[in-house]
Each structure stands twice: as structure tokens, then as C-alpha cells.
């Protein structure tokens, strides 16, 4: 049995002006053939799960091509056509196939396709034909459409946030595709799209209301004949018609049973719609709480500069406030290639004054002038062997410097924005996060898996930026209406 592995995985923040162009993908964002095995086989990612399951099940999983870059604005039309064109050509040339394992996010937007994931799946389907099973594992932040579901045979979704189950879901997806090829099961899928947006700060699956909703999904999935039942939280920073939460169920052979299961889960989600909204904590409030906490570190989750949500990772909003109020013992990573280069050129042990942060037009805050001493420099590469958000193992911040400032802050100045999903990001450059009163992490849910074990408290801070938790800060032009909480809405009819 031969299964093709390919995909283009991108979470698109349509409010970011930085597009994912061909140059961005060409600079380390595309893997082909054996490169996929080298980069992902030992990771806890979706690709890692596809490869591991193939070996376990004794089938030939053939890696073709995979594209991924950190979330940004839309994929350019040129980049999309190039990547998907090459992928589908490889799929055509290397066939025939018994099945396909497709790695897509579910919230990708291209300049030429507002539902980019569905377009990818439809093109793959056109190549392999109607009779070849296609399985995909979507991110929990997918803004799912019926068109995407219709192009797939098996659609699984991460069911943890932080996303620590990517490998598990991929292994399960591979198993279901193999069983489908063998004729052991006949998957029938159904979805319910809810007129509901969940606030990003309410999406941790270990907390309410998501914990109960995931438990409900597991209970439904245990019903006879059901193969899967998934809650999808949706990605709120995409101004697209498909914005919102949804539920998906898969039954072995009975489409009506699948529809009933998806509807039952969706009704449970709808009942908790008010609990999926919240009001944030301001920067000053967060710093006051941190100052009163008996022990540290207090991890401040910088919602507006969430790198995993498409923000640039160079916000100085919390840094500015910490300087103003005299909060010392603070550490954070700031993506600032120019400042990193200045520190590296000055050398370890040298003192200098420089402006840091707020490098891009859509950055939050303004450059902050700091005086400090260069503690360390690094190539910015680090490894996280344990499952964290997304399951990624290898990271590259680019040329990086550690600057200890006279204000009592430690700034890790990187050249490339990397999600705050691993303590190794700091430990790899000799910075011990547990030794600080305050740790600023550029994310909301993604840092939790790594930082929760060392944090005395974690606080979501409603900072400005292209991923701010207060959605009334954004001008949506293309979303559907009505959509809760923007407007009153009703539960979709069966």
C-alpha cells in the first residue's frame, strides 16, 4: 500500500500586512522527499505521526512536498500557485496511490483563494480521483468549510489546545485511511458550522468551558459506529465568510448518524457560547498582579503579539510599561534583527545603548531605548524533544543576542520570530526563565504546555496588536452575519 504525504500548512491572519510570499517559503519553508523525514520523523508533529504510523502499520508513506511558515498575512497568489502546482504535479508523476495523507491547517487564506485549504484538497482530489481515500488532520483553529470536508474522506482535528496531540491525531488518521483502503470501514462525514466566534483566551482545552465540551465530544465519539467527533474552535483573526466554530463527526457507513452526532455536539457548544467570551487584563493590571505574587515566575501571555496568531513578535507594550513602573526581573524575547546584529557586532561583555522592538508598521508599541550589557550571542537554533504546541522539534531564531539591561530586564533579541512554545528558547541561550519574577511569552495558549510547569501564575494580557484578544478592535468586512458575539444569532437548523 502506497500513501502520499504532502501539504501546505499556514494559519493566516488577514489583519497582518505581511504576506507569505515565495521568498519567505523559499527561505527554509519548503521540504521535499527525504527532507521531510529528516525534519519531522522524530517530532510530535502531524508529519511525524503520518510517518510513524506508516512504519507501524507496514505501509509505504511516501513524502512528496510540504510547505510551512510561521503565521502571517495571506499567502500570495504567486506562492500558492507555485507550491500547490508543484505538489500536485509530484502527486501525479509519482502515482498511482492507494491513499493520500494531507497536512493542511484549515485556516489558510491566499490572495487568490479565500478558502485556500479547500482549494488544495480539491486539487489533490482532482489528481487522484474519487475512489482514493484522502485523510487530513486540521489544526483546532480551522475555519472549516463544507467544500474542504467534501474533498476529504477522513477529517480529524487536534483536540488539545495547546496542540500537543498532533502526532496522535495523525497516527489515528493514517489508521483510518489504511482501513478504508482495505475496505474495513466506510467513513461518512458531517459538519455543523456554528455562527459563533470563541475568544482566543477561552480556548484552553484544560479549562472551562472547553474541557467539558471536549469531554462531550469524547462521549459522543464512543457511540457505536462512530469513528471520530471533533470540536473546532476556529481562528478569530481571519476576516473570511467561514470564520467561526464548527463540529465534525465521522461514522462508519451511516451519514445520518454522523449528522446527528455533529448536531448533538454543536448544540452543546452553542449552549456554552457566553462562556466562550471574556474580558482581558490590561498591561498595568497584569504587572500589578505580578508584583503582588509571592513567588515567580508570573508568565504574562502577550495576546496582541501572539506569533502563533500572525503577530510580528516585536511588541514593546509590556516592556514599556515595565520600565515605566519600575518592574525589574523580567525576561522576554523580542524579534529585532537590527538590535540583535548590533549586540553581536559589539560582542559579549560590551555595554551599549540601543533602541529595541516595534520594527514593523503593524507592530504594537514603539522602540524602547535601553542601556545594557551583552551576555551571550547564539546562532538561534534550539531543540525541543518533548511534545509542545504543534509538536515541532527544531527551531531557528536566526542570529540572536542576550542583553541584560540596567532596568533589570533580560532581552533575548532574535532575528526571526519563533513561537514561545518551549522553555528551550531561553535555556538554549543560557537564560533560566524560572529565575525571573516575570516572563513575557508571545502567545495565549501555545506557551502553556511548556511554561505552566514553572509558572506561579499565568495571565492573558489584552495588549494591542494584530492578534488582540478584544475582537471589537478589528474591522471585519467579509465575515458572515449574524455572528455571535458581534450580533445575536440562532442555532443552525438541522
Protein backbone atom coordinates (compact mmCIF):
# COMPACT_ATOMS: atom_id res chain seq x y z
CA UNK A 1 0.00 0.00 0.00
CA UNK A 2 1.35 3.43 -1.01
CA UNK A 3 0.17 6.60 0.70
CA UNK A 4 1.32 10.02 -0.48
CA UNK A 5 2.26 12.60 2.16
CA UNK A 6 2.09 16.25 1.14
CA UNK A 7 0.69 19.57 2.29
CA UNK A 8 0.79 23.32 2.69
CA UNK A 9 0.21 24.36 6.30
CA UNK A 10 -0.48 28.01 7.04
CA UNK A 11 -2.53 29.90 9.59
CA UNK A 12 -3.46 33.23 8.01
CA UNK A 13 -4.08 36.42 9.96
CA UNK A 14 -5.82 38.60 7.39
CA UNK A 15 -5.17 41.68 9.54
CA UNK A 16 -1.41 41.33 9.11
CA UNK A 17 0.08 43.28 6.19
CA UNK A 18 2.98 40.83 5.88
CA UNK A 19 2.18 38.29 3.16
CA UNK A 20 3.63 34.80 2.87
CA UNK A 21 5.40 35.21 -0.44
CA UNK A 22 7.62 32.96 -2.48
CA UNK A 23 10.79 34.32 -0.89
CA UNK A 24 9.50 33.56 2.61
CA UNK A 25 8.72 29.95 1.72
CA UNK A 26 11.96 29.55 -0.25
CA UNK A 27 13.98 30.61 2.80
CA UNK A 28 13.59 27.38 4.74
CA UNK A 29 9.83 26.87 4.45
CA UNK A 30 9.68 24.02 1.93
CA UNK A 31 10.72 20.39 2.37
CA UNK A 32 10.81 17.76 -0.37
CA UNK A 33 11.12 13.99 -0.20
CA UNK A 34 13.72 12.82 2.32
CA UNK A 35 13.96 16.36 3.73
CA UNK A 36 10.51 15.82 5.28
CA UNK A 37 11.74 12.67 7.01
CA UNK A 38 14.87 14.40 8.29
CA UNK A 39 12.96 17.42 9.62
CA UNK A 40 9.87 15.73 11.07
CA UNK A 41 10.26 11.98 11.61
CA UNK A 42 11.38 12.32 15.24
CA UNK A 43 8.96 15.14 16.06
CA UNK A 44 5.49 15.11 17.56
CA UNK A 45 4.03 16.94 14.56
CA UNK A 46 1.36 15.79 12.14
CA UNK A 47 4.06 14.77 9.67
CA UNK A 48 5.80 12.86 12.44
CA UNK A 49 2.58 10.98 13.15
CA UNK A 50 1.97 10.16 9.49
CA UNK A 51 5.48 8.73 9.15
CA UNK A 52 5.39 6.82 12.44
CA UNK A 53 2.01 5.28 11.66
CA UNK A 54 3.15 4.18 8.24
CA UNK A 55 6.05 2.29 9.77
CA UNK A 56 3.82 0.80 12.48
CA UNK A 57 1.13 -0.32 10.04
CA UNK A 58 3.57 -1.66 7.47
CA UNK A 59 2.51 0.65 4.65
CA UNK A 60 4.65 2.85 2.44
CA UNK A 61 4.15 6.52 3.33
CA UNK A 62 5.90 8.45 0.56
CA UNK A 63 6.79 12.06 1.48
CA UNK A 64 6.46 14.35 -1.55
CA UNK A 65 6.44 18.02 -0.55
CA UNK A 66 5.48 20.13 2.45
CA UNK A 67 5.32 23.89 2.95
CA UNK A 68 5.12 25.72 6.27
CA UNK A 69 5.98 29.19 7.57
CA UNK A 70 5.09 30.90 10.82
CA UNK A 71 1.64 32.54 10.63
CA UNK A 72 1.49 35.78 8.65
CA UNK A 73 -0.93 37.60 6.40
CA UNK A 74 -2.31 35.90 3.27
CA UNK A 75 -0.27 33.61 1.03
CA UNK A 76 0.49 35.46 -2.20
CA UNK A 77 -1.11 34.15 -5.36
CA UNK A 78 2.33 33.50 -6.84
CA UNK A 79 3.47 31.45 -3.83
CA UNK A 80 0.22 29.49 -3.64
CA UNK A 81 0.18 28.56 -7.31
CA UNK A 82 3.86 27.60 -7.21
CA UNK A 83 3.61 25.43 -4.09
CA UNK A 84 0.31 23.72 -4.87
CA UNK A 85 1.25 23.35 -8.52
CA UNK A 86 4.49 21.55 -7.68
CA UNK A 87 2.81 19.40 -5.04
CA UNK A 88 0.03 18.21 -7.31
CA UNK A 89 2.49 17.61 -10.15
CA UNK A 90 4.57 15.38 -7.88
CA UNK A 91 1.39 13.61 -6.83
CA UNK A 92 0.51 13.00 -10.48
CA UNK A 93 4.00 11.88 -11.51
CA UNK A 94 4.64 9.53 -8.59
CA UNK A 95 1.24 7.81 -8.64
CA UNK A 96 -0.85 5.76 -8.67
CA UNK A 97 -1.72 5.95 -4.97
CA UNK A 98 -3.83 3.89 -2.63
CA UNK A 99 -4.42 6.90 -0.39
CA UNK A 100 -3.24 10.41 0.49
CA UNK A 101 -2.23 11.96 3.82
CA UNK A 102 -2.73 15.71 3.53
CA UNK A 103 -1.20 18.16 6.02
CA UNK A 104 -3.21 21.39 5.88
CA UNK A 105 -4.16 23.81 8.65
CA UNK A 106 -7.77 24.72 7.91
CA UNK A 107 -7.36 28.49 8.32
CA UNK A 108 -5.21 29.27 5.30
CA UNK A 109 -6.11 32.22 3.08
CA UNK A 110 -4.42 33.01 -0.23
CA UNK A 111 -4.73 36.18 -2.26
CA UNK A 112 -6.48 34.20 -4.98
CA UNK A 113 -8.42 31.73 -2.79
CA UNK A 114 -10.21 32.80 0.39
CA UNK A 115 -10.63 29.11 1.31
CA UNK A 116 -7.13 28.01 0.43
CA UNK A 117 -7.24 24.66 2.23
CA UNK A 118 -10.34 23.59 0.33
CA UNK A 119 -8.68 24.57 -2.93
CA UNK A 120 -5.63 22.45 -2.06
CA UNK A 121 -7.79 19.45 -1.15
CA UNK A 122 -9.93 19.85 -4.28
CA UNK A 123 -6.83 19.89 -6.49
CA UNK A 124 -5.47 16.78 -4.76
CA UNK A 125 -8.83 15.09 -5.24
CA UNK A 126 -8.83 16.00 -8.93
CA UNK A 127 -5.45 14.29 -9.36
CA UNK A 128 -6.15 11.03 -7.52
CA UNK A 129 -9.83 10.65 -8.42
CA UNK A 130 -12.97 9.98 -6.45
CA UNK A 131 -12.09 6.47 -5.31
CA UNK A 132 -8.81 7.20 -3.50
CA UNK A 133 -9.19 7.97 0.24
CA UNK A 134 -7.72 11.29 1.41
CA UNK A 135 -7.13 11.92 5.10
CA UNK A 136 -6.24 15.21 6.76
CA UNK A 137 -5.57 16.42 10.29
CA UNK A 138 -6.63 20.01 10.81
CA UNK A 139 -5.49 22.48 13.42
CA UNK A 140 -8.08 23.16 16.10
CA UNK A 141 -8.19 26.76 14.82
CA UNK A 142 -9.51 25.74 11.42
CA UNK A 143 -12.34 27.78 9.92
CA UNK A 144 -13.87 24.73 8.29
CA UNK A 145 -15.98 24.74 5.12
CA UNK A 146 -18.17 22.10 3.55
CA UNK A 147 -16.05 22.26 0.41
CA UNK A 148 -12.95 21.17 2.34
CA UNK A 149 -14.85 18.40 4.08
CA UNK A 150 -16.30 17.15 0.78
CA UNK A 151 -12.83 16.78 -0.74
CA UNK A 152 -11.65 14.62 2.17
CA UNK A 153 -12.51 11.09 3.21
CA UNK A 154 -11.33 11.38 6.82
CA UNK A 155 -11.07 14.72 8.64
CA UNK A 156 -9.55 14.68 12.10
CA UNK A 157 -8.74 17.73 14.21
CA UNK A 158 -6.35 18.44 17.06
CA UNK A 159 -8.38 18.12 20.25
CA UNK A 160 -5.95 19.83 22.60
CA UNK A 161 -5.02 23.48 22.92
CA UNK A 162 -2.08 23.89 23.39
CA UNK A 163 -1.88 21.43 20.49
CA UNK A 164 0.05 18.52 21.99
CA UNK A 165 -1.87 15.76 20.20
CA UNK A 166 -0.85 16.44 16.59
CA UNK A 167 1.13 13.21 16.28
CA UNK A 168 -1.62 11.14 17.90
CA UNK A 169 -4.28 12.53 15.57
CA UNK A 170 -2.07 11.89 12.54
CA UNK A 171 -1.49 8.30 13.62
CA UNK A 172 -5.23 7.83 14.02
CA UNK A 173 -5.89 9.44 10.62
CA UNK A 174 -3.39 7.13 8.93
CA UNK A 175 -5.00 4.12 10.57
CA UNK A 176 -8.45 5.14 9.32
CA UNK A 177 -7.18 5.72 5.79
CA UNK A 178 -5.48 2.32 5.75
CA UNK A 179 -8.66 0.64 7.00
CA UNK A 180 -10.64 2.50 4.34
CA UNK A 181 -8.29 1.33 1.60
CA UNK A 182 -8.68 -2.23 2.83
CA UNK A 183 -12.46 -1.93 2.79
CA UNK A 184 -12.76 -2.46 6.54
CA UNK A 185 -14.60 0.84 7.11
CA UNK A 186 -16.62 3.28 5.01
CA UNK A 187 -16.30 6.77 6.55
CA UNK A 188 -19.25 9.14 6.28
CA UNK A 189 -18.58 12.71 7.43
CA UNK A 190 -20.85 15.51 8.62
CA UNK A 191 -20.23 19.01 9.92
CA UNK A 192 -22.20 21.76 11.64
CA UNK A 193 -20.95 25.30 11.18
CA UNK A 194 -21.85 27.49 14.16
CA UNK A 195 -22.48 31.26 13.91
CA UNK A 196 -20.11 31.68 16.83
CA UNK A 197 -16.62 33.04 17.45
CA UNK A 198 -14.75 31.90 20.56
CA UNK A 199 -12.43 34.39 22.21
CA UNK A 200 -8.84 33.22 21.96
CA UNK A 201 -8.46 33.45 25.76
CA UNK A 202 -11.27 30.91 26.25
CA UNK A 203 -9.75 28.21 24.07
CA UNK A 204 -7.50 26.34 26.51
CA UNK A 205 -8.87 22.79 26.44
CA UNK A 206 -7.81 22.11 30.03
CA UNK A 207 -10.06 24.91 31.29
CA UNK A 208 -13.80 25.54 31.16
CA UNK A 209 -15.81 25.63 29.02
CA UNK A 210 -13.59 23.77 26.53
CA UNK A 211 -12.74 20.97 28.97
CA UNK A 212 -16.41 19.99 29.27
CA UNK A 213 -17.01 20.35 25.53
CA UNK A 214 -14.09 18.06 24.75
CA UNK A 215 -15.42 15.55 27.27
CA UNK A 216 -18.77 15.71 25.50
CA UNK A 217 -17.06 15.07 22.17
CA UNK A 218 -15.32 12.00 23.59
CA UNK A 219 -18.60 10.66 24.95
CA UNK A 220 -20.32 11.05 21.58
CA UNK A 221 -17.34 9.52 19.77
CA UNK A 222 -17.68 6.41 21.92
CA UNK A 223 -21.14 5.69 20.45
CA UNK A 224 -21.42 2.53 18.29
CA UNK A 225 -20.19 3.05 14.74
CA UNK A 226 -18.68 6.48 15.29
CA UNK A 227 -15.06 6.86 14.21
CA UNK A 228 -14.50 10.42 15.42
CA UNK A 229 -16.21 13.51 16.83
CA UNK A 230 -14.36 16.82 16.96
CA UNK A 231 -14.81 20.35 18.27
CA UNK A 232 -13.16 23.02 16.11
CA UNK A 233 -12.50 26.33 17.86
CA UNK A 234 -11.91 28.41 14.73
CA UNK A 235 -9.38 31.19 14.11
CA UNK A 236 -10.78 34.63 15.00
CA UNK A 237 -8.18 36.71 13.14
CA UNK A 238 -9.41 35.80 9.67
CA UNK A 239 -11.89 38.14 8.00
CA UNK A 240 -13.48 35.43 5.86
CA UNK A 241 -17.03 34.11 5.36
CA UNK A 242 -16.16 30.79 7.02
CA UNK A 243 -14.99 32.42 10.29
CA UNK A 244 -16.31 30.56 13.32
CA UNK A 245 -16.55 27.36 15.35
CA UNK A 246 -17.75 24.06 13.95
CA UNK A 247 -18.16 20.39 14.81
CA UNK A 248 -17.33 17.33 12.72
CA UNK A 249 -18.35 13.71 13.15
CA UNK A 250 -17.39 10.59 11.19
CA UNK A 251 -19.47 7.40 11.19
CA UNK A 252 -18.71 4.04 9.66
CA UNK A 253 -21.25 3.85 6.90
CA UNK A 254 -24.18 5.92 8.21
CA UNK A 255 -24.31 9.59 7.10
CA UNK A 256 -27.44 10.24 9.18
CA UNK A 257 -25.70 9.03 12.34
CA UNK A 258 -22.74 11.29 11.54
CA UNK A 259 -25.06 14.29 11.12
CA UNK A 260 -26.86 13.52 14.37
CA UNK A 261 -23.54 13.29 16.27
CA UNK A 262 -22.22 16.55 14.84
CA UNK A 263 -25.52 18.27 15.65
CA UNK A 264 -25.53 16.96 19.23
CA UNK A 265 -22.01 18.25 19.84
CA UNK A 266 -22.75 21.58 18.17
CA UNK A 267 -25.77 22.07 20.43
CA UNK A 268 -23.55 21.58 23.48
CA UNK A 269 -21.10 24.15 22.15
CA UNK A 270 -23.90 26.62 21.41
CA UNK A 271 -25.20 26.29 24.98
CA UNK A 272 -21.80 27.50 26.24
CA UNK A 273 -21.45 30.39 23.79
CA UNK A 274 -21.48 33.05 26.52
CA UNK A 275 -18.79 31.17 28.43
CA UNK A 276 -16.59 31.33 25.32
CA UNK A 277 -16.28 35.13 25.68
CA UNK A 278 -14.17 37.07 28.15
CA UNK A 279 -12.66 40.45 29.00
CA UNK A 280 -8.90 40.81 29.22
CA UNK A 281 -6.50 42.12 31.83
CA UNK A 282 -4.67 45.35 31.00
CA UNK A 283 -0.88 45.62 30.97
CA UNK A 284 -0.77 47.74 34.13
CA UNK A 285 -3.14 45.36 35.93
CA UNK A 286 -1.01 42.38 34.92
CA UNK A 287 2.19 43.97 36.20
CA UNK A 288 0.47 44.89 39.47
CA UNK A 289 -0.65 41.28 39.90
CA UNK A 290 2.88 40.05 39.17
CA UNK A 291 4.35 42.45 41.73
CA UNK A 292 1.99 41.11 44.43
CA UNK A 293 2.55 37.45 43.65
CA UNK A 294 4.54 35.80 46.49
CA UNK A 295 6.73 33.82 44.10
CA UNK A 296 7.62 33.84 40.43
CA UNK A 297 7.73 33.49 37.65
CA UNK A 298 4.47 35.07 36.60
CA UNK A 299 4.04 34.37 32.89
CA UNK A 300 2.38 37.25 31.05
CA UNK A 301 0.78 35.99 27.84
CA UNK A 302 1.09 38.85 25.34
CA UNK A 303 -2.13 38.27 23.40
CA UNK A 304 -1.74 41.11 20.91
CA UNK A 305 1.74 39.98 19.87
CA UNK A 306 0.91 36.29 19.51
CA UNK A 307 3.46 34.99 17.00
CA UNK A 308 1.38 31.83 16.53
CA UNK A 309 -1.54 34.07 15.59
CA UNK A 310 0.31 36.06 12.94
CA UNK A 311 1.85 38.88 15.01
CA UNK A 312 5.46 40.02 14.44
CA UNK A 313 6.85 39.20 17.90
CA UNK A 314 8.40 42.63 18.46
CA UNK A 315 5.80 44.40 20.59
CA UNK A 316 7.20 46.61 23.34
CA UNK A 317 3.88 47.34 25.07
CA UNK A 318 4.68 45.26 28.16
CA UNK A 319 8.35 46.30 28.16
CA UNK A 320 7.43 50.00 28.06
CA UNK A 321 5.06 49.57 31.00
CA UNK A 322 7.61 47.59 33.00
CA UNK A 323 10.20 50.33 32.52
CA UNK A 324 7.66 52.99 33.47
CA UNK A 325 6.54 51.30 36.68
CA UNK A 326 9.97 50.05 37.72
CA UNK A 327 9.18 46.33 37.43
CA UNK A 328 12.53 44.56 37.42
CA UNK A 329 13.44 40.87 36.94
CA UNK A 330 11.66 40.47 33.61
CA UNK A 331 12.66 38.39 30.60
CA UNK A 332 11.22 38.33 27.10
CA UNK A 333 12.13 37.53 23.52
CA UNK A 334 11.85 40.37 21.02
CA UNK A 335 12.27 39.80 17.29
CA UNK A 336 14.55 42.65 16.22
CA UNK A 337 17.19 41.68 13.64
CA UNK A 338 18.87 45.10 13.72
CA UNK A 339 19.24 45.17 17.51
CA UNK A 340 20.46 41.56 17.52
CA UNK A 341 23.09 42.44 14.93
CA UNK A 342 24.24 45.48 16.93
CA UNK A 343 24.74 43.35 20.02
CA UNK A 344 26.54 40.60 18.12
CA UNK A 345 28.86 43.09 16.47
CA UNK A 346 29.60 44.74 19.83
CA UNK A 347 30.50 41.38 21.35
CA UNK A 348 29.88 39.55 24.60
CA UNK A 349 30.66 41.65 27.66
CA UNK A 350 30.29 45.02 25.98
CA UNK A 351 27.87 47.71 27.09
CA UNK A 352 25.79 49.71 24.67
CA UNK A 353 22.68 51.83 24.25
CA UNK A 354 20.19 50.95 21.53
CA UNK A 355 16.52 51.06 20.59
CA UNK A 356 14.71 47.71 20.59
CA UNK A 357 11.42 46.42 19.23
CA UNK A 358 8.48 47.77 17.25
CA UNK A 359 10.29 47.20 13.96
CA UNK A 360 7.35 46.82 11.59
CA UNK A 361 4.46 49.09 10.58
CA UNK A 362 1.93 46.81 12.29
CA UNK A 363 3.97 46.40 15.48
CA UNK A 364 2.41 47.36 18.80
CA UNK A 365 4.20 49.92 20.92
CA UNK A 366 7.24 51.94 19.91
CA UNK A 367 11.00 51.34 20.01
CA UNK A 368 12.33 51.42 23.58
CA UNK A 369 15.75 52.90 24.30
CA UNK A 370 17.69 50.60 26.63
CA UNK A 371 21.17 50.51 28.16
CA UNK A 372 22.62 47.11 28.73
CA UNK A 373 25.43 44.57 28.58
CA UNK A 374 25.62 41.75 26.05
CA UNK A 375 25.55 38.49 27.99
CA UNK A 376 25.61 35.98 25.14
CA UNK A 377 25.27 35.51 21.40
CA UNK A 378 23.96 32.48 19.53
CA UNK A 379 23.01 31.16 16.10
CA UNK A 380 19.48 30.93 17.49
CA UNK A 381 18.95 27.23 16.88
CA UNK A 382 17.42 25.08 19.58
CA UNK A 383 15.61 21.79 20.00
CA UNK A 384 12.54 20.75 21.99
CA UNK A 385 12.31 16.94 22.20
CA UNK A 386 9.10 16.81 24.24
CA UNK A 387 5.60 17.37 22.79
CA UNK A 388 4.66 21.04 22.96
CA UNK A 389 2.31 23.17 20.89
CA UNK A 390 2.15 21.73 17.38
CA UNK A 391 4.76 19.10 18.20
CA UNK A 392 7.62 20.94 16.50
CA UNK A 393 11.11 19.83 17.50
CA UNK A 394 13.63 22.01 15.66
CA UNK A 395 13.60 25.81 15.84
CA UNK A 396 15.73 28.62 14.41
CA UNK A 397 15.58 32.20 15.73
CA UNK A 398 18.43 33.31 13.47
CA UNK A 399 21.38 35.28 14.88
CA UNK A 400 20.42 36.01 18.49
CA UNK A 401 21.82 38.06 21.38
CA UNK A 402 21.04 38.24 25.10
CA UNK A 403 21.07 41.73 26.57
CA UNK A 404 20.87 42.45 30.31
CA UNK A 405 19.59 45.99 30.76
CA UNK A 406 20.22 48.46 33.54
CA UNK A 407 16.45 48.45 34.19
CA UNK A 408 16.76 44.85 35.40
CA UNK A 409 15.39 43.20 32.29
CA UNK A 410 16.82 40.42 30.12
CA UNK A 411 16.00 40.76 26.44
CA UNK A 412 16.59 37.89 24.04
CA UNK A 413 16.89 39.66 20.70
CA UNK A 414 16.21 37.32 17.79
CA UNK A 415 16.35 37.80 14.02
CA UNK A 416 13.35 35.57 13.23
CA UNK A 417 10.04 35.37 15.05
CA UNK A 418 9.63 31.98 16.73
CA UNK A 419 6.60 30.99 18.78
CA UNK A 420 7.02 30.97 22.57
CA UNK A 421 6.21 27.27 22.84
CA UNK A 422 9.36 25.98 24.52
CA UNK A 423 11.43 26.94 27.56
CA UNK A 424 14.40 25.78 25.48
CA UNK A 425 14.08 29.05 23.57
CA UNK A 426 15.52 30.74 26.66
CA UNK A 427 17.54 27.89 28.15
CA UNK A 428 19.44 27.40 24.88
CA UNK A 429 20.97 30.88 25.25
CA UNK A 430 21.77 30.49 28.93
CA UNK A 431 18.66 32.22 30.29
CA UNK A 432 16.80 30.38 33.06
CA UNK A 433 13.15 31.51 32.98
CA UNK A 434 12.33 30.20 36.46
CA UNK A 435 14.82 32.66 37.97
CA UNK A 436 12.77 35.72 36.91
CA UNK A 437 9.81 37.40 38.53
CA UNK A 438 8.11 37.99 35.15
CA UNK A 439 8.35 36.04 31.90
CA UNK A 440 6.66 37.57 28.85
CA UNK A 441 5.52 34.95 26.33
CA UNK A 442 4.33 35.91 22.87
CA UNK A 443 1.14 33.89 22.73
CA UNK A 444 -2.07 32.97 24.53
CA UNK A 445 -2.47 29.18 24.57
CA UNK A 446 0.63 27.98 22.72
CA UNK A 447 3.12 28.77 25.55
CA UNK A 448 1.09 27.00 28.22
CA UNK A 449 2.32 23.43 27.71
CA UNK A 450 5.91 24.49 28.27
CA UNK A 451 5.58 27.32 30.77
CA UNK A 452 2.75 26.11 33.01
CA UNK A 453 5.00 23.67 34.93
CA UNK A 454 7.29 26.50 36.09
CA UNK A 455 4.77 29.35 36.40
CA UNK A 456 3.35 30.50 39.71
CA UNK A 457 0.62 32.14 37.66
CA UNK A 458 -0.23 32.72 34.00
CA UNK A 459 -2.10 35.86 32.94
CA UNK A 460 -3.53 36.62 29.50
CA UNK A 461 -2.82 40.30 28.84
CA UNK A 462 -5.09 42.19 26.44
CA UNK A 463 -2.38 44.03 24.57
CA UNK A 464 -2.77 45.82 21.26
CA UNK A 465 -1.70 44.17 18.01
CA UNK A 466 -2.96 42.13 15.06
CA UNK A 467 -3.90 39.28 17.43
CA UNK A 468 -5.53 41.29 20.23
CA UNK A 469 -7.99 39.29 22.27
CA UNK A 470 -10.66 42.02 22.11
CA UNK A 471 -12.19 41.35 18.71
CA UNK A 472 -14.04 44.66 18.65
CA UNK A 473 -10.65 46.20 17.81
CA UNK A 474 -10.87 44.68 14.31
CA UNK A 475 -12.82 45.79 11.27
CA UNK A 476 -14.42 42.69 9.74
CA UNK A 477 -15.74 43.25 6.21
CA UNK A 478 -16.21 39.72 4.90
CA UNK A 479 -17.45 37.63 7.83
CA UNK A 480 -20.96 36.21 7.82
CA UNK A 481 -23.75 37.93 9.69
CA UNK A 482 -25.21 37.39 12.20
CA UNK A 483 -22.25 36.01 14.15
CA UNK A 484 -22.14 35.79 17.92
CA UNK A 485 -20.90 37.74 19.92
CA UNK A 486 -20.93 40.53 17.33
CA UNK A 487 -24.67 40.06 16.81
CA UNK A 488 -27.42 37.88 18.24
CA UNK A 489 -27.61 34.64 16.29
CA UNK A 490 -29.63 31.44 16.32
CA UNK A 491 -28.56 27.82 16.39
CA UNK A 492 -28.40 26.42 12.84
CA UNK A 493 -31.40 24.34 11.80
CA UNK A 494 -30.93 20.62 11.19
